[in-house]
Every structure is written in C-alpha cells, then in structure tokens.
C-alpha cells in the first residue's frame, strides 16, 4: 500500500521527463548554427504503447514486486532526420524550439505545484489538521 496511491511516483517520472525534454531543447538551441546537426526530441507515448503491448505480467500477491521497466527510462530521445531548414544541413527551428521550451516550462511548473500540494496535505495531516 502506498501513501499517495502512486501519485508521487507518477509526478516524479513526469518531472524526469520534463527535465530531459528541457535539456534536449536547450541542446537543440545551443546547436542552432552547428553544421549537419539534427534536432532531437523526447518521445514518451511511443515507448509507453510499446511497453504496454509487449509485456504482460501477473502478480499473485500484492506484495510481489511488479514486472515493470523501472530500471530503464520510460521515454527516449529521438533524432529528427526528415527535415532540413538551413543550407548547412542543420534542421533546428529556433521558433519551434522556443515554443516547445515555454510549453515544457509551464508543464514542469504545474507538476511542481501539484507535488507541493501533496506535501502540504501531508503536512496538514501530520499537524492534526491545523
């Protein structure tokens, strides 16, 4: 039995995803003038659907450790080789990267707010509702 029903773990994985995406976008922006550099992106949905469809494990007791891929990351970084925006082979679109960066920052801040709410609830319970 977990204290928050897995919410903290889900928020942690989501924050890991947002951090990796922020790092990837920052790397793309830093290499906007690098010849033959190809933009990278972080994929989550494809990895999740592959994992859900390829592996089915049954637990006979609630105390058994689930057969999930907790050791590996649930998301991956992919390379975009299909487009080319500059004559030097680089395909980083700065406007798109800045838009993705702003969107990712809003997403990350929402996760932090939700996590803070969970901890405030825990603090309230510990203090007896005061």
Foldseek 3Di string as FASTA:
>chain_A
DDPVVCPVVVLVLLLVQLVVQLVQLVVLVVCVPPFQDFRKGKDQPVLVVVQVPPDDDDDPDPPDDDPDPPVDRNMDMDTDQPDADDPRNYDRDNVVSVVVNVVSVVVNVVSVVVVVVVVVVVVCVVVVND
